[in-house]
Amino acid sequence: MQRVRARLLSYRKQERSHPAWLNSTRVTSVAGMRFAAPFIDLAWSLSESHTLNNASDKPENPHDPDLVVARPEGLYCPCGDFYIDPWRPVERAVITHAHSDHARFGHRHYLASQAGANVLLWRLPGIALQTLAYGERLDLDGTTVSLHPAGHVLGSAQLRIEHKGRVWVASGDYKLDPDPTCAAFEPVRCETFITESTFGLPIYRWDAPQAVFDGIDSWWRHNASQGRASVLFCYSFGKAQRVLASVDAAIGPIFCHGAIAPLNRAYREAGVRLPPVRVVGEIAARDKAAFRQALIVAPPSAQGSAWLRRFGDYSDAFASGWMRLRGARRRRGVDRGFVLSDHADWPGLQSAIHATGAGRVIVTHGSVEPMVRWLREQGLEAGAFDTQYGDDTVEADAAGGDETAATSGASPVEATQTTQATQATRDDTPNAADLEARPAADNTTSGP
């Protein structure tokens, strides 16, 4: 009985020193007694050490259990009792970034990067969220976790898991190209690397980002000289802010669709510098003169809508990694296509995987089979997880068709996804002709 009282006192002492979301309770049985005890014995607590051990050079014992396994709810860490970007409701979820294929409503507790808190709370208002600074470590009953920059969008993170000297890293989505709106990708040494492969085919090779933005500026400048508006379609979360932060704002005024405005505010609140941007809805519908030299950034779901009529004469373009594909621009029906992605290209995926030093790689989504085959040809142990990632274009455009709803601050949650946005995703999916008859098709459903 004294041991029971001592354990309860220990729980209460720890409970006072931890964030509120860790103080949920569970029914526990000790020495034949049942009582409600804090969840603290299984919850995450701050570790005193901030030094990451380099465990990548120590080969894993094939008889050791995997640190991450696939379950119907999502990717699960048994030793830490948490899920990574789960697609079904769970007790505790680590969220790598706020795109809807990785961040969903319904979990009891959320852990995410401090840098992405504003965007995540805008997308999922009211959730019980704990945040970590990049590199900060948490201990979970002998399992240490930390978040590291992924370079995908604001707040995107890789998850490092260490247990009994073994290290696994789950990448989430990532890119290696420089981006002024988010922290750059940080290679993390590990034994097993869980990676995306959205653009995991040799056809996907990106130009230098500055060359792409120079092209956008040139297109906008030419249109402005002709008194024509420039409408650029791109994904609302991440891509739009990257474009806004990178174009030459001296060319003319910049406007955005109402679906993008709340995300711009979240980025600014996080300290990201964006140029002055007005919402299109602030201008009277018949005042077309205000847009004659302007750049208008809009989600893809606005394409073909009545909303475009207010600009009068305009030229349109689409910014996406899919623009690398033959036929993508034709299917989109736009004047210009700019190859710009927030995911790693084929060489980038190879570089990132190599930098981890991992001897084992598990692919989650995108061009899974070609990537697994290539990894095995390089002498690595490779496999795949069956996941539900890859539809973040739908998230980005969920509020895109309704500017009024978007400007009211409503979050584009999955429940409000429209048929139009879903069709936009399908239209972006490459077909066999686009891949130039390559042997394996890309099985992802999105690719910002």
Protein backbone atom coordinates (compact mmCIF):
# COMPACT_ATOMS: atom_id res chain seq x y z
CA MET A 1 0.00 0.00 0.00
CA GLN A 2 2.87 2.36 0.71
CA ARG A 3 4.23 1.68 -2.76
CA VAL A 4 0.82 2.52 -4.25
CA ARG A 5 0.68 5.83 -2.35
CA ALA A 6 4.25 6.63 -3.40
CA ARG A 7 3.39 6.00 -7.02
CA LEU A 8 0.32 8.23 -6.80
CA LEU A 9 2.39 11.03 -5.25
CA SER A 10 4.92 10.61 -8.04
CA TYR A 11 2.17 10.86 -10.65
CA ARG A 12 0.80 14.06 -9.13
CA LYS A 13 4.24 15.62 -8.91
CA GLN A 14 4.94 14.83 -12.56
CA GLU A 15 1.47 15.95 -13.60
CA ARG A 16 2.12 19.46 -12.29
CA SER A 17 5.30 19.73 -14.36
CA HIS A 18 3.84 18.68 -17.74
CA PRO A 19 1.60 20.31 -20.34
CA ALA A 20 -2.13 20.02 -19.80
CA TRP A 21 -2.68 17.62 -22.69
CA LEU A 22 -0.59 15.01 -20.93
CA ASN A 23 -2.84 14.92 -17.91
CA SER A 24 -5.52 12.62 -19.30
CA THR A 25 -6.31 9.58 -17.21
CA ARG A 26 -6.63 5.87 -17.73
CA VAL A 27 -7.88 3.09 -15.47
CA THR A 28 -4.93 1.35 -13.86
CA SER A 29 -4.73 -1.70 -11.65
CA VAL A 30 -2.00 -1.83 -9.00
CA ALA A 31 -1.90 -4.46 -6.25
CA GLY A 32 -5.50 -5.39 -6.96
CA MET A 33 -6.78 -1.82 -6.69
CA ARG A 34 -8.44 0.08 -9.56
CA PHE A 35 -8.14 3.85 -9.75
CA ALA A 36 -7.85 6.65 -12.26
CA ALA A 37 -4.16 7.45 -12.70
CA PRO A 38 -2.64 10.19 -14.82
CA PHE A 39 -1.48 9.08 -18.21
CA ILE A 40 1.94 10.44 -17.30
CA ASP A 41 3.69 7.08 -17.14
CA LEU A 42 3.11 6.70 -20.86
CA ALA A 43 3.16 10.37 -21.79
CA TRP A 44 5.90 12.47 -23.29
CA SER A 45 8.19 14.38 -20.94
CA LEU A 46 10.99 16.76 -21.71
CA SER A 47 14.40 15.13 -21.80
CA GLU A 48 17.31 16.89 -20.11
CA SER A 49 19.65 15.94 -22.95
CA HIS A 50 19.52 17.70 -26.29
CA THR A 51 22.38 15.77 -27.91
CA LEU A 52 21.36 13.36 -30.64
CA ASN A 53 23.34 10.16 -30.68
CA ASN A 54 24.62 9.06 -34.07
CA ALA A 55 23.27 5.53 -34.21
CA SER A 56 23.24 5.19 -37.97
CA ASP A 57 26.50 3.28 -38.09
CA LYS A 58 25.20 0.53 -35.82
CA PRO A 59 23.38 -2.12 -37.89
CA GLU A 60 20.02 -3.24 -36.61
CA ASN A 61 19.55 -6.72 -35.28
CA PRO A 62 17.07 -8.42 -37.65
CA HIS A 63 15.42 -10.00 -34.62
CA ASP A 64 14.66 -6.63 -32.99
CA PRO A 65 11.03 -5.50 -33.35
CA ASP A 66 10.40 -2.61 -35.73
CA LEU A 67 10.11 0.82 -34.14
CA VAL A 68 7.28 1.72 -36.54
CA VAL A 69 4.63 -0.62 -37.94
CA ALA A 70 1.55 -0.13 -40.12
CA ARG A 71 -1.86 -0.44 -38.48
CA PRO A 72 -5.36 0.29 -39.77
CA GLU A 73 -5.25 3.62 -37.91
CA GLY A 74 -1.90 4.68 -39.36
CA LEU A 75 1.82 4.28 -38.75
CA TYR A 76 2.33 3.21 -35.14
CA CYS A 77 5.33 3.28 -32.79
CA PRO A 78 4.77 0.38 -30.33
CA CYS A 79 7.60 1.26 -27.94
CA GLY A 80 6.33 4.85 -27.59
CA ASP A 81 2.61 4.12 -27.98
CA PHE A 82 1.87 6.88 -30.48
CA TYR A 83 0.93 7.24 -34.16
CA ILE A 84 2.54 9.25 -36.95
CA ASP A 85 0.08 11.24 -39.11
CA PRO A 86 -2.72 8.71 -38.50
CA TRP A 87 -5.79 8.69 -40.75
CA ARG A 88 -8.14 7.27 -38.10
CA PRO A 89 -8.80 8.73 -34.62
CA VAL A 90 -6.16 7.71 -32.05
CA GLU A 91 -5.13 8.66 -28.51
CA ARG A 92 -1.87 10.39 -29.44
CA ALA A 93 -0.72 11.59 -32.84
CA VAL A 94 2.56 13.12 -33.96
CA ILE A 95 1.79 15.40 -36.92
CA THR A 96 4.57 16.08 -39.41
CA HIS A 97 2.75 18.98 -41.12
CA ALA A 98 -0.69 20.49 -41.56
CA HIS A 99 -1.73 19.23 -45.01
CA SER A 100 -4.94 17.26 -44.67
CA ASP A 101 -3.52 13.92 -45.75
CA HIS A 102 -1.24 14.11 -42.69
CA ALA A 103 -3.28 16.14 -40.18
CA ARG A 104 -6.86 15.14 -39.41
CA PHE A 105 -9.49 15.85 -36.80
CA GLY A 106 -10.42 13.24 -34.21
CA HIS A 107 -7.24 12.50 -32.24
CA ARG A 108 -7.24 13.09 -28.50
CA HIS A 109 -3.76 14.63 -28.28
CA TYR A 110 -1.52 16.16 -30.94
CA LEU A 111 2.22 16.80 -31.01
CA ALA A 112 3.70 18.97 -33.77
CA SER A 113 6.44 21.49 -34.41
CA GLN A 114 6.27 24.87 -32.77
CA ALA A 115 6.93 26.52 -36.13
CA GLY A 116 3.74 25.11 -37.65
CA ALA A 117 1.37 25.64 -34.74
CA ASN A 118 -0.48 28.63 -36.25
CA VAL A 119 -1.29 26.83 -39.47
CA LEU A 120 -2.23 23.58 -37.75
CA LEU A 121 -4.57 25.33 -35.31
CA TRP A 122 -6.17 27.24 -38.19
CA ARG A 123 -6.81 23.99 -40.03
CA LEU A 124 -7.87 22.04 -36.93
CA PRO A 125 -9.23 24.58 -34.45
CA GLY A 126 -9.76 23.45 -30.89
CA ILE A 127 -7.39 20.46 -30.88
CA ALA A 128 -5.28 19.61 -27.82
CA LEU A 129 -1.87 20.53 -29.18
CA GLN A 130 1.59 20.34 -27.67
CA THR A 131 4.48 21.74 -29.69
CA LEU A 132 8.22 21.18 -29.80
CA ALA A 133 10.99 23.38 -31.10
CA TYR A 134 13.10 21.74 -33.77
CA GLY A 135 15.68 19.51 -32.10
CA GLU A 136 13.94 19.50 -28.72
CA ARG A 137 13.71 16.01 -27.27
CA LEU A 138 10.86 14.26 -25.47
CA ASP A 139 11.12 11.04 -23.55
CA LEU A 140 8.31 8.52 -23.68
CA ASP A 141 8.87 5.58 -21.34
CA GLY A 142 12.36 4.96 -22.71
CA THR A 143 11.64 6.12 -26.25
CA THR A 144 13.06 9.51 -27.24
CA VAL A 145 11.44 11.56 -29.99
CA SER A 146 12.40 14.84 -31.63
CA LEU A 147 11.30 16.89 -34.63
CA HIS A 148 13.64 18.17 -37.35
CA PRO A 149 13.04 20.48 -40.34
CA ALA A 150 11.68 18.82 -43.48
CA GLY A 151 11.68 21.86 -45.79
CA HIS A 152 8.22 21.02 -47.20
CA VAL A 153 6.03 23.84 -45.86
CA LEU A 154 5.94 26.01 -42.74
CA GLY A 155 6.32 23.79 -39.67
CA SER A 156 6.94 20.58 -41.60
CA ALA A 157 9.03 18.12 -39.62
CA GLN A 158 10.76 14.78 -39.73
CA LEU A 159 10.25 12.62 -36.67
CA ARG A 160 13.31 11.02 -35.09
CA ILE A 161 12.62 8.01 -32.85
CA GLU A 162 15.32 6.52 -30.62
CA HIS A 163 14.81 3.40 -28.51
CA LYS A 164 17.53 1.32 -26.86
CA GLY A 165 20.23 2.72 -29.13
CA ARG A 166 18.27 2.27 -32.36
CA VAL A 167 17.18 5.24 -34.47
CA TRP A 168 14.41 5.50 -37.03
CA VAL A 169 13.33 8.65 -38.88
CA ALA A 170 9.93 9.29 -40.49
CA SER A 171 10.27 12.04 -43.07
CA GLY A 172 6.71 13.16 -43.70
CA ASP A 173 6.82 15.20 -46.92
CA TYR A 174 10.02 17.08 -47.71
CA LYS A 175 12.05 18.99 -50.27
CA LEU A 176 15.70 20.01 -50.48
CA ASP A 177 15.33 23.21 -52.52
CA PRO A 178 15.67 26.53 -50.63
CA ASP A 179 12.42 28.13 -49.51
CA PRO A 180 12.22 31.48 -47.66
CA THR A 181 8.96 30.47 -45.95
CA CYS A 182 10.16 27.43 -43.98
CA ALA A 183 13.22 25.90 -42.33
CA ALA A 184 15.50 23.99 -44.68
CA PHE A 185 15.58 20.19 -44.77
CA GLU A 186 17.97 18.78 -42.17
CA PRO A 187 19.45 15.31 -42.80
CA VAL A 188 19.12 13.13 -39.71
CA ARG A 189 21.30 10.05 -39.41
CA CYS A 190 19.39 6.85 -38.74
CA GLU A 191 19.28 3.11 -39.32
CA THR A 192 15.84 3.08 -40.94
CA PHE A 193 14.40 5.96 -42.95
CA ILE A 194 10.67 6.18 -43.72
CA THR A 195 10.38 8.34 -46.83
CA GLU A 196 7.81 9.78 -49.20
CA SER A 197 8.24 9.33 -52.95
CA THR A 198 5.69 11.67 -54.50
CA PHE A 199 7.98 12.43 -57.42
CA GLY A 200 10.01 9.25 -57.29
CA LEU A 201 10.63 8.82 -61.03
CA PRO A 202 13.64 9.96 -63.12
CA ILE A 203 11.44 12.26 -65.21
CA TYR A 204 11.00 14.58 -62.22
CA ARG A 205 13.98 16.93 -62.04
CA TRP A 206 13.49 20.51 -60.89
CA ASP A 207 15.18 23.62 -62.22
CA ALA A 208 16.78 26.00 -59.72
CA PRO A 209 13.96 27.78 -57.84
CA GLN A 210 15.29 31.25 -58.73
CA ALA A 211 15.09 30.38 -62.43
CA VAL A 212 11.43 29.43 -61.97
CA PHE A 213 10.61 32.66 -60.14
CA ASP A 214 12.47 34.66 -62.77
CA GLY A 215 10.16 33.02 -65.31
CA ILE A 216 7.08 33.93 -63.28
CA ASP A 217 8.31 37.53 -62.96
CA SER A 218 8.95 37.75 -66.71
CA TRP A 219 5.46 36.42 -67.51
CA TRP A 220 3.86 38.83 -65.02
CA ARG A 221 5.93 41.79 -66.26
CA HIS A 222 4.95 41.15 -69.88
CA ASN A 223 1.26 40.89 -68.99
CA ALA A 224 1.44 44.08 -66.93
CA SER A 225 2.97 45.94 -69.89
CA GLN A 226 -0.05 44.86 -71.93
CA GLY A 227 -2.55 45.94 -69.25
CA ARG A 228 -3.46 42.32 -68.60
CA ALA A 229 -3.95 40.61 -65.21
CA SER A 230 -1.78 37.59 -64.33
CA VAL A 231 -3.65 34.79 -62.56
CA LEU A 232 -1.37 32.14 -61.05
CA PHE A 233 -2.99 28.94 -59.76
CA CYS A 234 -1.14 27.12 -57.00
CA TYR A 235 -1.91 25.23 -53.81
CA SER A 236 -3.21 27.43 -51.01
CA PHE A 237 -1.00 26.16 -48.18
CA GLY A 238 2.73 26.33 -48.76
CA LYS A 239 3.02 26.91 -52.49
CA ALA A 240 1.09 30.20 -52.48
CA GLN A 241 3.18 31.65 -49.67
CA ARG A 242 6.42 30.49 -51.30
CA VAL A 243 5.40 32.26 -54.52
CA LEU A 244 4.41 35.44 -52.70
CA ALA A 245 7.72 35.54 -50.81
CA SER A 246 9.79 34.98 -53.96
CA VAL A 247 8.32 37.09 -56.78
CA ASP A 248 9.35 40.68 -57.53
CA ALA A 249 6.69 42.73 -55.77
CA ALA A 250 7.89 45.88 -57.54
CA ILE A 251 6.30 44.73 -60.81
CA GLY A 252 2.78 45.59 -59.69
CA PRO A 253 0.07 45.05 -57.07
CA ILE A 254 -0.48 41.56 -55.65
CA PHE A 255 -3.86 40.04 -54.80
CA CYS A 256 -4.92 36.65 -53.53
CA HIS A 257 -8.07 34.56 -53.41
CA GLY A 258 -9.89 34.58 -50.08
CA ALA A 259 -8.96 30.95 -49.44
CA ILE A 260 -5.29 31.95 -49.28
CA ALA A 261 -5.63 35.01 -47.05
CA PRO A 262 -5.99 33.18 -43.67
CA LEU A 263 -2.90 31.12 -44.42
CA ASN A 264 -0.98 34.27 -45.27
CA ARG A 265 -1.92 35.64 -41.86
CA ALA A 266 -0.76 32.45 -40.16
CA TYR A 267 2.57 32.67 -41.97
CA ARG A 268 3.05 36.30 -41.00
CA GLU A 269 2.23 35.51 -37.38
CA ALA A 270 4.95 32.86 -37.52
CA GLY A 271 7.47 35.50 -38.61
CA VAL A 272 7.53 34.77 -42.36
CA ARG A 273 8.00 37.90 -44.45
CA LEU A 274 5.45 38.31 -47.25
CA PRO A 275 4.86 41.36 -49.44
CA PRO A 276 1.67 43.42 -49.14
CA VAL A 277 -1.17 41.32 -50.53
CA ARG A 278 -4.80 42.38 -50.89
CA VAL A 279 -7.76 40.02 -51.07
CA VAL A 280 -9.57 40.13 -54.41
CA GLY A 281 -12.92 40.43 -52.63
CA GLU A 282 -11.92 43.85 -51.29
CA ILE A 283 -12.23 45.30 -54.80
CA ALA A 284 -15.64 46.08 -56.30
CA ALA A 285 -16.65 43.36 -58.75
CA ARG A 286 -16.88 45.80 -61.68
CA ASP A 287 -13.55 47.52 -61.00
CA LYS A 288 -11.43 45.58 -63.49
CA ALA A 289 -8.89 48.38 -63.80
CA ALA A 290 -7.45 47.53 -60.38
CA PHE A 291 -6.15 44.22 -61.72
CA ARG A 292 -4.65 45.26 -65.07
CA GLN A 293 -1.05 45.06 -63.85
CA ALA A 294 -1.63 42.75 -60.92
CA LEU A 295 -0.55 39.25 -59.98
CA ILE A 296 -3.47 37.26 -58.57
CA VAL A 297 -2.64 34.07 -56.67
CA ALA A 298 -5.52 31.59 -56.53
CA PRO A 299 -6.15 27.93 -55.69
CA PRO A 300 -6.64 25.53 -58.62
CA SER A 301 -10.32 25.05 -57.78
CA ALA A 302 -10.96 28.68 -58.77
CA GLN A 303 -10.06 27.84 -62.36
CA GLY A 304 -13.06 28.02 -64.67
CA SER A 305 -15.23 29.69 -62.02
CA ALA A 306 -17.26 32.88 -62.35
CA TRP A 307 -14.81 34.48 -59.91
CA LEU A 308 -12.35 35.00 -62.79
CA ARG A 309 -14.70 37.27 -64.72
CA ARG A 310 -13.87 40.24 -62.49
CA PHE A 311 -10.35 40.46 -63.96
CA GLY A 312 -11.38 41.21 -67.52
CA ASP A 313 -8.49 40.38 -69.84
CA TYR A 314 -6.10 38.02 -68.07
CA SER A 315 -3.41 35.41 -68.68
CA ASP A 316 -3.35 32.33 -66.45
CA ALA A 317 -0.65 29.93 -65.34
CA PHE A 318 -0.25 26.95 -63.04
CA ALA A 319 2.68 26.29 -60.67
CA SER A 320 3.18 22.63 -59.80
CA GLY A 321 5.66 19.81 -60.04
CA TRP A 322 3.19 18.08 -62.36
CA MET A 323 3.95 20.75 -64.97
CA ARG A 324 7.04 18.70 -65.74
CA LEU A 325 4.76 16.13 -67.35
CA ARG A 326 3.91 16.21 -71.01
CA GLY A 327 0.23 17.00 -71.31
CA ALA A 328 -0.33 18.40 -67.82
CA ARG A 329 -0.43 21.99 -68.99
CA ARG A 330 -2.73 21.00 -71.87
CA ARG A 331 -5.17 19.29 -69.53
CA ARG A 332 -5.11 22.30 -67.25
CA GLY A 333 -5.88 24.59 -70.18
CA VAL A 334 -3.63 27.40 -68.95
CA ASP A 335 -1.38 29.76 -70.87
CA ARG A 336 1.76 28.89 -68.93
CA GLY A 337 3.00 26.10 -66.71
CA PHE A 338 5.74 26.66 -64.13
CA VAL A 339 7.50 23.60 -62.70
CA LEU A 340 7.56 24.35 -58.98
CA SER A 341 7.11 21.74 -56.27
CA ASP A 342 7.23 21.55 -52.49
CA HIS A 343 8.38 17.92 -52.73
CA ALA A 344 11.83 16.55 -53.49
CA ASP A 345 12.51 15.58 -57.09
CA TRP A 346 14.18 12.31 -58.13
CA PRO A 347 17.75 13.48 -57.41
CA GLY A 348 16.57 15.14 -54.20
CA LEU A 349 15.03 11.93 -52.90
CA GLN A 350 18.25 10.08 -53.64
CA SER A 351 20.35 12.73 -51.91
CA ALA A 352 18.13 12.83 -48.83
CA ILE A 353 18.11 9.05 -48.45
CA HIS A 354 21.87 8.85 -48.87
CA ALA A 355 22.44 11.61 -46.29
CA THR A 356 20.64 9.63 -43.59
CA GLY A 357 23.11 6.75 -43.83
CA ALA A 358 20.17 4.37 -43.45
CA GLY A 359 20.62 0.75 -44.44
CA ARG A 360 16.87 0.23 -44.58
CA VAL A 361 14.31 2.45 -46.30
CA ILE A 362 10.51 2.21 -46.17
CA VAL A 363 8.46 4.13 -48.76
CA THR A 364 5.04 5.48 -47.82
CA HIS A 365 3.42 7.10 -50.86
CA GLY A 366 3.98 8.35 -54.39
CA SER A 367 5.94 6.28 -56.89
CA VAL A 368 6.41 3.48 -54.40
CA GLU A 369 7.32 0.48 -56.55
CA PRO A 370 9.91 2.25 -58.73
CA MET A 371 11.57 3.74 -55.67
CA VAL A 372 11.67 0.43 -53.79
CA ARG A 373 13.12 -1.27 -56.85
CA TRP A 374 15.80 1.41 -57.25
CA LEU A 375 16.75 1.25 -53.56
CA ARG A 376 17.20 -2.51 -53.73
CA GLU A 377 19.39 -2.09 -56.79
CA GLN A 378 21.60 0.16 -54.67
CA GLY A 379 22.03 -2.63 -52.14
CA LEU A 380 19.66 -1.22 -49.53
CA GLU A 381 16.95 -3.12 -47.71
CA ALA A 382 13.73 -1.54 -48.95
CA GLY A 383 10.00 -2.02 -48.53
CA ALA A 384 6.78 -0.05 -48.33
CA PHE A 385 3.97 0.92 -45.99
CA ASP A 386 0.42 1.08 -47.32
CA THR A 387 -0.75 4.55 -46.28
CA GLN A 388 -3.45 7.08 -47.06
CA TYR A 389 -1.09 9.97 -47.75
CA GLY A 390 -0.92 11.88 -50.97
CA ASP A 391 -4.16 13.90 -51.35
CA ASP A 392 -3.07 17.27 -49.97
CA THR A 393 -4.21 19.10 -53.10
CA VAL A 394 -7.74 18.51 -51.90
CA GLU A 395 -6.93 20.09 -48.54
CA ALA A 396 -5.33 23.07 -50.19
CA ASP A 397 -8.37 23.74 -52.35
CA ALA A 398 -11.17 22.70 -50.01
CA ALA A 399 -12.35 26.30 -49.56
CA GLY A 400 -11.10 27.44 -52.92
CA GLY A 401 -14.44 27.67 -54.68
CA ASP A 402 -16.06 29.87 -52.04
CA GLU A 403 -14.16 33.06 -51.39
CA THR A 404 -16.77 34.38 -48.98
CA ALA A 405 -16.48 31.35 -46.73
CA ALA A 406 -12.71 31.46 -46.93
CA THR A 407 -12.42 35.09 -45.87
CA SER A 408 -14.64 34.45 -42.87
CA GLY A 409 -11.82 32.38 -41.37
CA ALA A 410 -13.48 29.00 -41.77
CA SER A 411 -11.01 26.14 -41.84
CA PRO A 412 -10.90 23.95 -44.98
CA VAL A 413 -11.45 20.69 -43.13
CA GLU A 414 -12.07 17.43 -44.86
CA ALA A 415 -15.82 17.55 -44.24
CA THR A 416 -16.14 20.54 -46.59
CA GLN A 417 -14.20 19.11 -49.50
CA THR A 418 -15.99 19.80 -52.74
CA THR A 419 -16.48 17.75 -55.85
CA GLN A 420 -14.68 20.48 -57.78
CA ALA A 421 -11.58 20.24 -55.58
CA THR A 422 -11.61 16.46 -55.83
CA GLN A 423 -11.74 16.73 -59.61
CA ALA A 424 -8.80 19.13 -59.49
CA THR A 425 -6.79 16.43 -57.77
CA ARG A 426 -7.77 13.84 -60.36
CA ASP A 427 -6.83 16.22 -63.15
CA ASP A 428 -3.34 16.56 -61.67
CA THR A 429 -2.72 12.82 -61.57
CA PRO A 430 -0.39 11.76 -64.39
CA ASN A 431 -1.38 9.13 -66.90
CA ALA A 432 0.78 6.65 -68.79
CA ALA A 433 1.28 9.00 -71.71
CA ASP A 434 2.56 11.72 -69.42
CA LEU A 435 5.15 9.33 -68.02
CA GLU A 436 6.25 8.56 -71.56
CA ALA A 437 5.33 4.88 -71.30
CA ARG A 438 7.55 4.24 -68.30
CA PRO A 439 6.99 0.76 -66.82
CA ALA A 440 5.47 1.90 -63.52
CA ALA A 441 2.87 4.59 -63.01
CA ASP A 442 2.87 7.12 -60.21
CA ASN A 443 0.24 6.01 -57.69
CA THR A 444 -0.01 9.26 -55.77
CA THR A 445 -3.10 11.42 -56.00
CA SER A 446 -1.43 14.78 -55.52
CA GLY A 447 1.84 16.54 -56.01
CA PRO A 448 2.21 20.17 -55.04
